[in-house]
N, C-alpha and C. Protein backbone atom coordinates (compact mmCIF):
# COMPACT_ATOMS: atom_id res chain seq x y z
N UNK A 1 0.79 -1.21 -0.13
CA UNK A 1 0.05 -0.20 0.01
C UNK A 1 0.74 1.46 0.07
N UNK A 2 0.91 2.22 -0.81
CA UNK A 2 1.05 3.45 -0.71
C UNK A 2 1.12 4.18 0.57
N UNK A 3 2.16 5.16 0.58
CA UNK A 3 1.85 5.97 1.97
C UNK A 3 1.44 7.36 1.48
N UNK A 4 0.84 7.45 2.68
CA UNK A 4 -0.22 8.31 2.50
C UNK A 4 0.18 9.81 2.29
N UNK A 5 -0.21 10.93 1.47
CA UNK A 5 0.77 12.02 1.14
C UNK A 5 0.59 12.69 2.24
N UNK A 6 1.53 13.67 2.71
CA UNK A 6 1.53 14.07 3.57
C UNK A 6 0.66 15.33 3.21
N UNK A 7 0.18 15.80 4.39
CA UNK A 7 -0.95 17.09 4.30
C UNK A 7 -0.16 18.15 4.39
N UNK A 8 -1.10 19.20 4.48
CA UNK A 8 -0.89 20.87 4.19
C UNK A 8 -0.76 21.22 5.73
N UNK A 9 0.20 22.59 6.09
CA UNK A 9 0.04 22.88 7.18
C UNK A 9 0.35 24.43 6.39
N UNK A 10 -1.15 24.92 7.15
CA UNK A 10 -0.89 26.39 6.43
C UNK A 10 -1.18 27.21 8.01
N UNK A 11 -0.85 28.28 8.23
CA UNK A 11 -0.43 28.97 9.36
C UNK A 11 -1.06 30.51 9.35
N UNK A 12 -1.97 31.09 9.90
CA UNK A 12 -2.53 32.52 9.91
C UNK A 12 -2.12 32.77 10.80
N UNK A 13 -2.13 34.54 10.27
CA UNK A 13 -1.25 35.52 11.42
C UNK A 13 -1.96 36.66 11.19
N UNK A 14 -2.18 37.65 11.53
CA UNK A 14 -2.37 38.96 11.82
C UNK A 14 -2.12 39.47 13.35
N UNK A 15 -2.25 41.35 13.33
CA UNK A 15 -2.59 41.55 14.23
C UNK A 15 -3.60 41.02 15.48
N UNK A 16 -4.02 41.73 16.45
CA UNK A 16 -5.11 41.20 17.46
C UNK A 16 -6.24 41.53 16.80
N UNK A 17 -7.12 40.89 16.41
CA UNK A 17 -8.95 41.75 15.97
C UNK A 17 -8.71 41.59 14.24
N UNK A 18 -7.61 41.17 13.71
CA UNK A 18 -7.52 41.30 12.19
C UNK A 18 -8.41 40.20 11.59
N UNK A 19 -9.01 39.30 12.29
CA UNK A 19 -10.45 38.28 11.78
C UNK A 19 -10.10 37.25 11.43
N UNK A 20 -8.25 36.71 12.10
CA UNK A 20 -7.65 35.67 11.56
C UNK A 20 -8.94 34.14 12.17
N UNK A 21 -9.79 34.63 13.27
CA UNK A 21 -10.06 33.04 13.61
C UNK A 21 -11.74 32.99 12.51
N UNK A 22 -12.45 34.30 12.15
CA UNK A 22 -13.39 34.18 11.04
C UNK A 22 -13.06 33.60 9.87
N UNK A 23 -11.47 33.74 9.32
CA UNK A 23 -11.05 33.63 8.57
C UNK A 23 -10.84 31.76 8.32
N UNK A 24 -10.29 31.15 9.52
CA UNK A 24 -9.87 29.95 9.44
C UNK A 24 -11.27 29.38 9.85
N UNK A 25 -12.24 29.83 10.24
CA UNK A 25 -13.69 29.11 10.42
C UNK A 25 -14.50 29.07 8.58
N UNK A 26 -14.21 29.80 8.31
CA UNK A 26 -14.66 29.59 6.84
C UNK A 26 -13.56 28.26 5.69
N UNK A 27 -12.68 28.84 6.16
CA UNK A 27 -11.56 27.92 5.33
C UNK A 27 -11.89 26.80 5.55
N UNK A 28 -11.99 26.20 7.15
CA UNK A 28 -12.30 24.50 7.58
C UNK A 28 -13.63 24.28 7.09
N UNK A 29 -14.70 25.17 6.99
CA UNK A 29 -16.09 24.78 6.48
C UNK A 29 -15.85 24.20 5.14
N UNK A 30 -15.13 25.37 4.28
CA UNK A 30 -14.93 24.79 3.06
C UNK A 30 -14.04 23.61 2.87
N UNK A 31 -13.34 23.55 3.76
CA UNK A 31 -12.80 22.40 2.68
C UNK A 31 -13.07 21.25 3.49
N UNK A 32 -13.88 20.97 4.54
CA UNK A 32 -14.91 20.02 4.92
C UNK A 32 -16.05 19.79 4.01
N UNK A 33 -16.66 20.53 2.98
CA UNK A 33 -17.51 20.72 2.76
C UNK A 33 -16.97 19.99 0.86
N UNK A 34 -16.00 20.46 1.01
CA UNK A 34 -15.12 19.71 -0.57
C UNK A 34 -14.66 18.38 -0.08
N UNK A 35 -14.49 18.16 1.08
CA UNK A 35 -13.84 16.58 1.60
C UNK A 35 -12.47 16.33 1.56
N UNK A 36 -11.94 17.36 2.18
CA UNK A 36 -10.24 17.26 2.28
C UNK A 36 -10.64 16.68 3.90
N UNK A 37 -9.77 16.34 4.56
CA UNK A 37 -9.49 16.25 5.97
C UNK A 37 -8.91 17.31 6.67
N UNK A 38 -8.93 17.80 7.39
CA UNK A 38 -8.80 19.13 8.28
C UNK A 38 -8.77 18.93 9.58
N UNK A 39 -7.71 19.46 10.41
CA UNK A 39 -7.51 20.08 11.65
C UNK A 39 -7.24 21.17 12.15
N UNK A 40 -8.17 21.56 12.67
CA UNK A 40 -7.93 23.26 13.58
C UNK A 40 -7.08 22.92 14.44
N UNK A 41 -6.27 23.85 14.60
CA UNK A 41 -5.45 24.40 16.13
C UNK A 41 -5.25 25.73 16.38
N UNK A 42 -4.63 25.90 17.51
CA UNK A 42 -4.50 27.28 17.33
C UNK A 42 -2.71 27.34 18.80
N UNK A 43 -2.16 28.62 18.59
CA UNK A 43 -1.18 28.56 19.83
C UNK A 43 -1.38 30.16 20.74
N UNK A 44 -0.91 29.49 21.77
CA UNK A 44 -0.71 28.58 22.70
C UNK A 44 -1.75 27.39 22.97
N UNK A 45 -1.48 26.07 22.40
CA UNK A 45 -2.24 25.28 23.04
C UNK A 45 -2.53 25.06 24.57
N UNK A 46 -3.28 23.43 24.89
CA UNK A 46 -3.44 23.38 26.01
C UNK A 46 -2.57 22.84 26.95
N UNK A 47 -0.98 22.65 26.05
CA UNK A 47 0.11 22.11 27.08
C UNK A 47 -0.05 23.08 28.75
N UNK A 48 0.98 22.29 29.53
CA UNK A 48 0.97 23.45 30.68
C UNK A 48 1.94 24.64 30.24
N UNK A 49 2.40 24.45 29.62
CA UNK A 49 3.02 25.91 29.10
C UNK A 49 2.43 26.61 28.52
N UNK A 50 1.58 26.38 27.36
CA UNK A 50 0.05 26.86 26.90
C UNK A 50 -1.03 27.63 27.99
N UNK A 51 -1.14 26.45 29.22
CA UNK A 51 -2.08 27.46 30.10
C UNK A 51 -1.45 28.59 30.93
N UNK A 52 -0.45 28.40 30.98
CA UNK A 52 0.78 29.34 31.81
C UNK A 52 0.88 30.62 31.35
N UNK A 53 1.05 30.55 29.71
CA UNK A 53 0.91 31.43 28.94
C UNK A 53 0.15 32.51 28.56
N UNK A 54 -1.44 31.63 28.68
CA UNK A 54 -2.99 32.69 28.77
C UNK A 54 -2.93 33.51 29.87
N UNK A 55 -2.18 32.57 31.14
CA UNK A 55 -2.55 33.60 32.30
C UNK A 55 -1.66 34.97 32.23
N UNK A 56 -0.13 34.33 31.64
CA UNK A 56 0.52 35.73 31.22
C UNK A 56 -0.13 36.89 30.44
N UNK A 57 -0.50 36.49 29.54
CA UNK A 57 -1.48 37.36 28.56
C UNK A 57 -2.26 38.14 29.17
N UNK A 58 -2.77 37.85 29.46
CA UNK A 58 -4.45 38.73 30.73
C UNK A 58 -3.67 39.12 31.65
N UNK A 59 -2.51 39.11 32.48
CA UNK A 59 -1.91 39.51 33.76
C UNK A 59 -2.36 39.26 34.67
N UNK A 60 -2.61 38.18 34.82
CA UNK A 60 -2.66 36.93 36.03
C UNK A 60 -1.53 36.55 36.69
N UNK A 61 -0.29 36.55 35.72
CA UNK A 61 0.69 36.12 36.19
C UNK A 61 1.82 37.25 35.65
N UNK A 62 3.13 37.26 36.25
CA UNK A 62 3.90 38.21 35.87
C UNK A 62 4.70 37.51 36.11
N UNK A 63 5.47 37.82 34.94
CA UNK A 63 7.14 37.67 34.51
C UNK A 63 8.10 38.13 33.61
N UNK A 64 8.85 37.70 33.79
CA UNK A 64 9.61 38.66 32.22
C UNK A 64 9.62 38.01 30.69
N UNK A 65 9.94 39.69 30.10
CA UNK A 65 9.61 38.80 28.51
C UNK A 65 10.38 37.68 27.94
N UNK A 66 11.72 37.60 27.96
CA UNK A 66 12.18 36.01 28.05
C UNK A 66 11.76 35.07 28.89
N UNK A 67 11.68 35.04 29.29
CA UNK A 67 10.73 33.98 30.35
C UNK A 67 9.16 33.44 29.36
N UNK A 68 8.59 35.32 28.92
CA UNK A 68 7.53 34.41 27.90
C UNK A 68 7.94 33.65 26.69
N UNK A 69 8.94 34.09 25.91
CA UNK A 69 9.52 33.77 24.92
C UNK A 69 9.74 32.65 25.31
N UNK A 70 10.86 31.96 26.22
CA UNK A 70 11.12 30.28 26.21
C UNK A 70 9.99 29.36 26.88
N UNK A 71 8.93 30.40 26.91
CA UNK A 71 7.67 29.35 27.44
C UNK A 71 7.06 29.06 25.81
N UNK A 72 6.97 30.04 25.08
CA UNK A 72 6.45 30.02 23.99
C UNK A 72 6.87 28.88 23.09
N UNK A 73 8.53 28.53 22.70
CA UNK A 73 9.18 27.73 22.49
C UNK A 73 9.00 26.60 23.41
N UNK A 74 9.12 26.51 24.50
CA UNK A 74 8.56 24.71 24.65
C UNK A 74 7.10 24.61 24.31
N UNK A 75 6.23 25.17 24.17
CA UNK A 75 4.90 25.01 24.02
C UNK A 75 4.69 24.56 22.27
N UNK A 76 5.27 25.31 21.74
CA UNK A 76 5.53 25.02 20.24
C UNK A 76 6.19 23.66 19.56
N UNK A 77 7.43 23.31 21.00
CA UNK A 77 7.66 21.90 20.33
C UNK A 77 6.69 21.00 20.86
N UNK A 78 5.91 21.31 21.90
CA UNK A 78 4.92 20.49 22.65
C UNK A 78 3.63 20.03 21.21
N UNK A 79 3.70 21.49 20.61
CA UNK A 79 2.27 21.75 20.02
C UNK A 79 2.76 20.64 18.62
N UNK A 80 4.14 20.51 17.88
CA UNK A 80 4.31 19.87 17.18
C UNK A 80 4.91 18.20 17.38
N UNK A 81 5.21 17.84 18.32
CA UNK A 81 5.43 16.59 18.95
C UNK A 81 4.89 15.77 19.86
N UNK A 82 3.51 16.55 20.13
CA UNK A 82 2.75 15.61 21.17
C UNK A 82 2.26 14.61 20.65
N UNK A 83 2.44 13.42 21.30
CA UNK A 83 1.83 12.04 20.54
C UNK A 83 0.16 11.74 20.68
N UNK A 84 -0.45 12.74 21.79
CA UNK A 84 -1.78 12.63 21.23
C UNK A 84 -2.39 13.65 19.94
N UNK A 85 -2.37 15.07 19.72
CA UNK A 85 -2.35 15.82 18.91
C UNK A 85 -1.46 16.75 18.67
N UNK A 86 -0.45 16.22 18.54
CA UNK A 86 1.18 16.62 17.64
C UNK A 86 0.81 17.13 16.34
N UNK A 87 1.26 18.75 16.08
CA UNK A 87 1.19 18.54 14.45
C UNK A 87 1.84 17.57 13.33
N UNK A 88 2.74 17.13 13.67
CA UNK A 88 3.66 16.39 12.95
C UNK A 88 2.64 14.81 12.89
N UNK A 89 1.82 14.26 13.76
CA UNK A 89 1.62 13.01 13.80
C UNK A 89 -0.22 13.47 12.65
N UNK A 90 -0.55 14.40 12.57
CA UNK A 90 -1.81 14.67 11.52
C UNK A 90 -1.10 14.72 10.25
N UNK A 91 -0.12 15.34 10.20
CA UNK A 91 0.40 15.87 9.09
C UNK A 91 0.63 14.54 8.26
N UNK A 92 1.75 13.96 9.00
CA UNK A 92 2.39 12.35 8.29
C UNK A 92 1.12 11.34 8.03
N UNK A 93 -0.20 11.82 8.84
CA UNK A 93 -1.45 10.52 8.59
C UNK A 93 -1.89 11.46 7.18
N UNK A 94 -1.63 12.20 6.41
CA UNK A 94 -2.35 12.85 5.57
C UNK A 94 -3.69 14.04 5.80
N UNK A 95 -3.45 14.38 6.83
CA UNK A 95 -4.45 15.30 7.03
C UNK A 95 -3.75 17.02 7.31
N UNK A 96 -4.81 17.73 6.88
CA UNK A 96 -4.15 19.11 6.27
C UNK A 96 -4.66 19.76 8.14
N UNK A 97 -3.65 20.60 8.21
CA UNK A 97 -3.91 21.41 9.20
C UNK A 97 -3.96 22.85 9.39
N UNK A 98 -4.19 23.24 10.01
CA UNK A 98 -4.26 25.12 9.83
C UNK A 98 -4.47 25.40 11.32
N UNK A 99 -3.53 26.50 11.72
CA UNK A 99 -3.31 26.90 12.95
C UNK A 99 -3.34 28.50 12.56
N UNK A 100 -3.89 29.00 14.26
CA UNK A 100 -4.14 30.45 14.45
C UNK A 100 -2.94 30.88 15.07
N UNK A 101 -1.40 31.40 14.31
CA UNK A 101 -0.40 31.86 14.90
C UNK A 101 0.19 30.88 14.99
N UNK A 102 1.69 31.33 14.76
CA UNK A 102 2.89 30.11 14.57
C UNK A 102 4.15 31.00 14.78
N UNK A 103 5.10 30.68 13.76
CA UNK A 103 6.45 31.79 14.58
C UNK A 103 6.24 32.48 14.20
N UNK A 104 5.80 33.19 13.15
CA UNK A 104 5.90 34.93 13.13
C UNK A 104 5.11 35.50 14.49
N UNK A 105 4.17 34.96 15.14
CA UNK A 105 3.40 35.89 16.21
C UNK A 105 4.89 36.14 17.36
N UNK A 106 5.44 35.18 17.33
CA UNK A 106 6.89 35.13 18.40
C UNK A 106 7.38 36.59 17.86
N UNK A 107 8.15 36.55 16.84
CA UNK A 107 8.87 37.09 16.18
C UNK A 107 8.63 38.55 16.00
N UNK A 108 7.14 38.60 15.54
CA UNK A 108 6.42 40.20 15.68
C UNK A 108 5.87 40.57 17.21
N UNK A 109 5.19 39.93 18.10
CA UNK A 109 5.01 40.45 19.79
C UNK A 109 6.11 40.36 20.56
N UNK A 110 6.96 39.71 20.58
CA UNK A 110 7.65 39.58 21.34
C UNK A 110 9.24 40.30 21.34
N UNK A 111 8.97 40.54 19.95
CA UNK A 111 10.47 41.20 19.38
C UNK A 111 10.21 42.47 20.03
N UNK A 112 8.93 42.84 20.01
CA UNK A 112 9.09 44.57 20.60
C UNK A 112 9.51 44.68 21.90
N UNK A 113 9.75 43.42 22.54
CA UNK A 113 10.28 44.10 23.68
C UNK A 113 11.53 43.31 23.75
N UNK A 114 11.90 42.12 22.62
CA UNK A 114 13.28 41.45 22.76
C UNK A 114 13.66 41.84 21.32
N UNK A 115 15.16 41.72 21.24
CA UNK A 115 15.70 41.51 19.70
C UNK A 115 14.87 40.49 19.03
N UNK A 116 14.96 41.00 17.42
CA UNK A 116 14.12 40.08 16.88
C UNK A 116 15.07 38.82 16.51
N UNK A 117 16.30 39.18 16.64
CA UNK A 117 17.14 37.86 15.96
C UNK A 117 17.61 36.80 17.15
N UNK A 118 17.29 37.38 18.50
CA UNK A 118 16.95 36.30 19.56
C UNK A 118 16.09 35.79 19.20
N UNK A 119 14.58 36.22 19.22
CA UNK A 119 13.92 35.52 19.41
C UNK A 119 13.69 34.52 17.86
N UNK A 120 13.88 35.06 16.85
CA UNK A 120 14.23 33.73 15.58
C UNK A 120 14.71 32.62 15.92
N UNK A 121 16.17 33.07 16.76
CA UNK A 121 17.08 31.98 17.28
C UNK A 121 16.45 31.06 18.16
N UNK A 122 15.96 31.63 19.31
CA UNK A 122 15.12 30.62 20.02
C UNK A 122 14.06 29.90 19.37
N UNK A 123 13.30 30.27 18.11
CA UNK A 123 12.39 29.34 17.44
C UNK A 123 12.88 28.24 16.50
N UNK A 124 14.61 28.36 16.74
CA UNK A 124 15.25 27.73 15.27
C UNK A 124 14.83 26.06 15.67
N UNK A 125 15.02 25.59 17.20
CA UNK A 125 14.79 23.82 17.11
C UNK A 125 13.08 23.64 16.57
N UNK A 126 12.67 24.45 16.87
CA UNK A 126 10.86 24.30 16.35
C UNK A 126 10.72 24.20 14.78
N UNK A 127 11.78 25.55 14.19
CA UNK A 127 11.42 25.60 12.63
C UNK A 127 11.94 24.56 11.78
N UNK A 128 12.67 23.72 12.33
CA UNK A 128 13.69 22.72 11.77
C UNK A 128 12.48 21.62 12.10
N UNK A 129 11.83 21.28 12.60
CA UNK A 129 11.29 20.11 12.88
C UNK A 129 10.31 20.88 12.22
N UNK A 130 9.36 21.84 12.04
CA UNK A 130 7.97 21.78 11.25
C UNK A 130 7.85 23.15 10.50
N UNK A 131 7.64 23.16 9.50
CA UNK A 131 7.93 24.59 8.97
C UNK A 131 6.67 24.68 8.12
N UNK A 132 5.71 25.76 8.23
CA UNK A 132 4.44 26.16 7.89
C UNK A 132 4.32 26.07 5.86
N UNK A 133 4.07 24.96 5.56
CA UNK A 133 3.84 25.32 4.00
C UNK A 133 2.93 26.70 3.24
N UNK A 134 2.69 27.52 3.88
CA UNK A 134 2.38 28.91 3.95
C UNK A 134 2.05 29.50 5.30
N UNK A 135 2.29 30.74 5.28
CA UNK A 135 2.00 31.66 6.60
C UNK A 135 0.89 32.80 5.63
N UNK A 136 -0.21 32.50 5.86
CA UNK A 136 -1.29 33.65 5.33
C UNK A 136 -1.51 34.88 6.71
N UNK A 137 -1.12 36.17 5.77
CA UNK A 137 -1.16 37.31 6.95
C UNK A 137 -2.24 37.82 6.16
N UNK A 138 -2.92 38.20 7.51
CA UNK A 138 -4.39 39.08 7.10
C UNK A 138 -3.92 40.33 7.60
N UNK A 139 -3.45 41.39 6.53
CA UNK A 139 -3.07 43.00 6.94
C UNK A 139 -4.22 43.84 7.04
N UNK A 140 -4.68 43.74 8.52
CA UNK A 140 -5.35 45.43 8.17
C UNK A 140 -5.00 46.61 9.41
N UNK A 141 -5.76 47.69 9.45
CA UNK A 141 -5.42 48.69 9.81
C UNK A 141 -5.39 48.78 11.80
N UNK A 142 -4.34 48.78 12.12
CA UNK A 142 -4.62 48.68 13.86
C UNK A 142 -5.30 48.97 14.44
N UNK A 143 -5.92 50.46 13.88
CA UNK A 143 -6.88 51.50 14.66
C UNK A 143 -8.33 50.91 14.60
N UNK A 144 -8.22 50.13 13.37
CA UNK A 144 -9.67 49.20 13.19
C UNK A 144 -9.92 47.76 14.06
N UNK A 145 -8.82 47.23 14.27
CA UNK A 145 -8.45 46.48 14.92
C UNK A 145 -8.83 46.31 16.84
N UNK A 146 -8.73 47.65 16.48
CA UNK A 146 -8.32 48.23 18.26
C UNK A 146 -10.09 48.21 18.41
N UNK A 147 -10.52 48.66 17.41
CA UNK A 147 -11.92 48.77 17.70
C UNK A 147 -12.54 47.72 17.89
N UNK A 148 -12.34 46.93 17.52
CA UNK A 148 -13.35 45.30 17.35
C UNK A 148 -13.03 44.68 18.44
N UNK A 149 -11.66 44.91 19.52
CA UNK A 149 -11.28 44.34 19.90
C UNK A 149 -11.79 45.18 21.29
N UNK A 150 -12.38 46.53 21.63
CA UNK A 150 -13.01 46.72 22.53
C UNK A 150 -14.54 46.50 22.81
N UNK A 151 -14.80 46.62 21.45
CA UNK A 151 -16.12 45.80 21.15
C UNK A 151 -16.64 44.62 21.84
N UNK A 152 -15.94 43.77 21.61
CA UNK A 152 -15.73 42.18 21.45
C UNK A 152 -15.20 41.44 22.68
N UNK A 153 -14.41 42.10 23.41
CA UNK A 153 -13.17 41.52 24.25
C UNK A 153 -13.89 42.03 25.47
N UNK A 154 -14.14 40.80 26.45
CA UNK A 154 -14.51 41.15 27.88
C UNK A 154 -13.00 40.81 28.57
N UNK A 155 -12.08 40.43 28.31
CA UNK A 155 -10.82 39.97 28.88
C UNK A 155 -9.42 40.93 27.75
N UNK A 156 -9.02 41.82 27.88
CA UNK A 156 -8.03 41.95 26.51
C UNK A 156 -6.90 41.66 27.24
N UNK A 157 -5.69 41.23 26.49
CA UNK A 157 -4.55 40.82 26.73
C UNK A 157 -3.60 42.11 26.99
N UNK A 158 -2.69 42.07 27.49
CA UNK A 158 -1.63 43.11 28.12
C UNK A 158 -0.92 43.99 26.85
N UNK A 159 -1.11 43.39 25.69
CA UNK A 159 -0.37 44.28 24.47
C UNK A 159 -1.36 44.82 23.71
N UNK A 160 -2.64 44.77 23.92
CA UNK A 160 -3.80 45.18 23.17
C UNK A 160 -3.77 46.69 23.00
N UNK A 161 -3.05 47.56 22.57
CA UNK A 161 -3.46 48.84 22.61
C UNK A 161 -2.95 49.36 21.88
N UNK A 162 -3.45 50.46 20.54
CA UNK A 162 -3.25 50.65 19.64
C UNK A 162 -1.97 50.65 19.05
N UNK A 163 -1.03 51.59 19.72
CA UNK A 163 0.61 51.89 19.80
C UNK A 163 1.23 50.45 19.71
N UNK A 164 0.77 49.71 20.28
CA UNK A 164 1.41 48.27 20.38
C UNK A 164 1.19 47.49 19.10
N UNK A 165 -0.07 47.35 18.66
CA UNK A 165 -0.57 46.55 17.43
C UNK A 165 0.11 47.41 16.29
N UNK A 166 0.13 48.79 16.35
CA UNK A 166 0.80 49.49 15.31
C UNK A 166 2.49 48.84 15.02
N UNK A 167 2.96 48.75 16.08
CA UNK A 167 4.37 48.81 16.15
C UNK A 167 4.50 47.06 15.81
N UNK A 168 3.55 46.42 16.14
CA UNK A 168 3.72 44.95 16.31
C UNK A 168 3.34 44.56 14.56
N UNK A 169 2.67 44.99 14.27
CA UNK A 169 2.47 45.10 12.45
C UNK A 169 3.72 45.35 11.93
N UNK A 170 4.54 46.69 12.07
CA UNK A 170 5.90 46.79 11.49
C UNK A 170 6.71 45.74 11.87
N UNK A 171 6.92 45.06 12.48
CA UNK A 171 7.14 43.68 13.42
C UNK A 171 7.03 42.93 12.75
N UNK A 172 6.07 42.43 12.28
CA UNK A 172 5.85 41.38 11.45
C UNK A 172 6.36 41.61 9.80
N UNK A 173 6.25 42.63 9.14
CA UNK A 173 7.15 43.21 8.41
C UNK A 173 8.46 43.20 8.15
N UNK A 174 8.81 43.39 9.13
CA UNK A 174 10.26 43.32 9.34
C UNK A 174 10.83 41.80 9.28
N UNK A 175 10.15 40.72 10.18
CA UNK A 175 10.07 39.45 9.96
C UNK A 175 9.61 38.60 8.42
N UNK A 176 9.15 39.32 7.90
CA UNK A 176 8.97 38.58 6.61
C UNK A 176 10.08 38.73 5.82
N UNK A 177 10.64 40.06 5.62
CA UNK A 177 11.75 40.78 5.41
C UNK A 177 13.11 39.73 5.61
N UNK A 178 13.18 39.54 6.65
CA UNK A 178 14.37 38.89 7.33
C UNK A 178 14.33 37.28 7.26
N UNK A 179 13.39 36.51 6.78
CA UNK A 179 12.65 35.43 7.07
C UNK A 179 12.55 34.82 5.33
N UNK A 180 12.79 35.84 4.29
CA UNK A 180 11.96 35.66 3.11
C UNK A 180 12.67 34.54 2.19
N UNK A 181 13.62 33.97 2.78
CA UNK A 181 14.21 33.06 1.70
C UNK A 181 14.13 31.73 2.47
N UNK A 182 13.42 31.52 3.53
CA UNK A 182 13.30 30.49 4.58
C UNK A 182 11.26 30.27 4.56
N UNK A 183 10.77 31.35 4.76
CA UNK A 183 9.42 30.87 4.88
C UNK A 183 8.44 31.66 4.10
N UNK A 184 7.30 31.20 3.37
CA UNK A 184 6.56 31.53 2.34
C UNK A 184 5.12 32.25 2.98
N UNK A 185 5.38 33.51 2.31
CA UNK A 185 4.04 34.10 3.28
C UNK A 185 2.97 34.77 2.25
N UNK A 186 1.93 34.68 2.26
CA UNK A 186 0.97 35.66 1.51
C UNK A 186 0.18 36.48 2.23
N UNK A 187 0.80 37.63 1.81
CA UNK A 187 -0.70 38.82 2.55
C UNK A 187 -1.78 39.14 2.19
N UNK A 188 -2.86 39.27 2.64
CA UNK A 188 -4.07 39.59 2.31
C UNK A 188 -4.60 40.49 2.88
N UNK A 189 -5.31 41.76 1.84
CA UNK A 189 -5.73 42.67 2.30
C UNK A 189 -7.13 42.37 3.44
N UNK A 190 -7.23 42.44 4.23
CA UNK A 190 -7.93 42.39 5.22
C UNK A 190 -8.81 43.43 5.50
N UNK A 191 -8.65 44.51 4.58
CA UNK A 191 -10.01 46.01 4.97
C UNK A 191 -10.76 45.65 3.78
N UNK A 192 -11.68 44.46 4.17
CA UNK A 192 -12.66 44.17 2.45
C UNK A 192 -13.92 43.50 3.63
N UNK A 193 -14.71 42.93 2.24
CA UNK A 193 -15.46 42.56 2.61
C UNK A 193 -15.19 41.17 3.50
N UNK A 194 -15.99 40.50 4.22
CA UNK A 194 -15.18 39.19 5.52
C UNK A 194 -15.69 37.87 4.22
N UNK A 195 -16.79 37.89 3.44
CA UNK A 195 -16.98 37.26 2.26
C UNK A 195 -15.39 36.97 1.22
N UNK A 196 -15.05 38.44 0.73
CA UNK A 196 -14.44 38.50 -0.74
C UNK A 196 -13.36 37.99 0.25
N UNK A 197 -12.61 38.42 1.35
CA UNK A 197 -11.65 38.02 1.94
C UNK A 197 -11.38 36.33 1.79
N UNK A 198 -12.49 35.92 2.32
CA UNK A 198 -12.23 34.66 2.29
C UNK A 198 -12.08 33.67 0.78
N UNK A 199 -13.22 34.10 -0.04
CA UNK A 199 -12.87 33.73 -1.48
C UNK A 199 -11.48 34.04 -1.90
N UNK A 200 -11.05 34.65 -1.84
CA UNK A 200 -9.64 35.64 -2.38
C UNK A 200 -8.70 34.27 -1.70
N UNK A 201 -9.21 33.98 -0.25
CA UNK A 201 -7.96 33.07 0.11
C UNK A 201 -8.50 31.70 -0.06
N UNK A 202 -9.32 31.06 -0.09
CA UNK A 202 -9.94 29.87 -0.73
C UNK A 202 -9.07 29.77 -2.21
N UNK A 203 -9.54 30.99 -3.02
CA UNK A 203 -8.64 30.32 -4.72
C UNK A 203 -6.71 30.64 -4.51
N UNK A 204 -6.24 31.11 -3.52
CA UNK A 204 -4.98 31.07 -3.26
C UNK A 204 -4.21 29.62 -2.81
N UNK A 205 -5.11 29.47 -1.58
CA UNK A 205 -4.36 28.17 -0.76
C UNK A 205 -4.65 26.64 -1.39
N UNK A 206 -6.18 26.83 -2.15
CA UNK A 206 -6.82 25.35 -2.35
C UNK A 206 -5.83 24.16 -3.04
N UNK A 207 -4.69 25.04 -3.64
CA UNK A 207 -3.94 23.95 -4.59
C UNK A 207 -2.77 23.03 -3.23
N UNK A 208 -3.02 23.53 -2.65
CA UNK A 208 -1.80 23.34 -1.17
C UNK A 208 -2.39 22.08 -0.29
N UNK A 209 -3.85 21.77 -0.28
CA UNK A 209 -4.16 20.92 0.17
C UNK A 209 -4.34 19.53 -0.41
N UNK A 210 -4.55 18.96 0.65
CA UNK A 210 -4.10 17.67 -0.31
C UNK A 210 -5.90 16.33 0.34
N UNK A 211 -6.34 15.01 -0.39
CA UNK A 211 -7.57 14.87 0.18
C UNK A 211 -6.93 13.70 0.87
């Protein structure tokens, strides 16, 4: 019997409030309707590190930025290799994987406080294990996303301020430039109708997925 074809691995990125979650849901629903096997996940996951990261991000636990960065790396390694729900397991079985945030979220958010080159090197072990086939970046105006956050969030994370999101967006593009020879990035205009964005993403990614 021939081995299963490796599943596709697509990561969605964008500053908070950019609509990643909505677009991931729409793409997953579309793939399922078309008969593609699909697994949806997110970072941080539900590992002990991931649970602690969530508490830190909403301000319930205090620590330094370099410790947070190290915990993201540990969470990501578990996310990749976990025997039960690790990404490598699903992908090797021919299941397509979509994740909300991956490498670039560390490079952009954490490098606001830490040197980006340090963050990139800290992520090397995970990057050597698994790289996304494509990172889809939904680009929107930070002021627009901040308005969405203020309207929809009961609990805001520590970095959810307009100036912080503006700086983070700049760091995303800095990371795209630094890693342009290593990572494939698709930049999507997010300042459009939700369904128009979804159609654009579908047309530009559908060829990557396997049945």
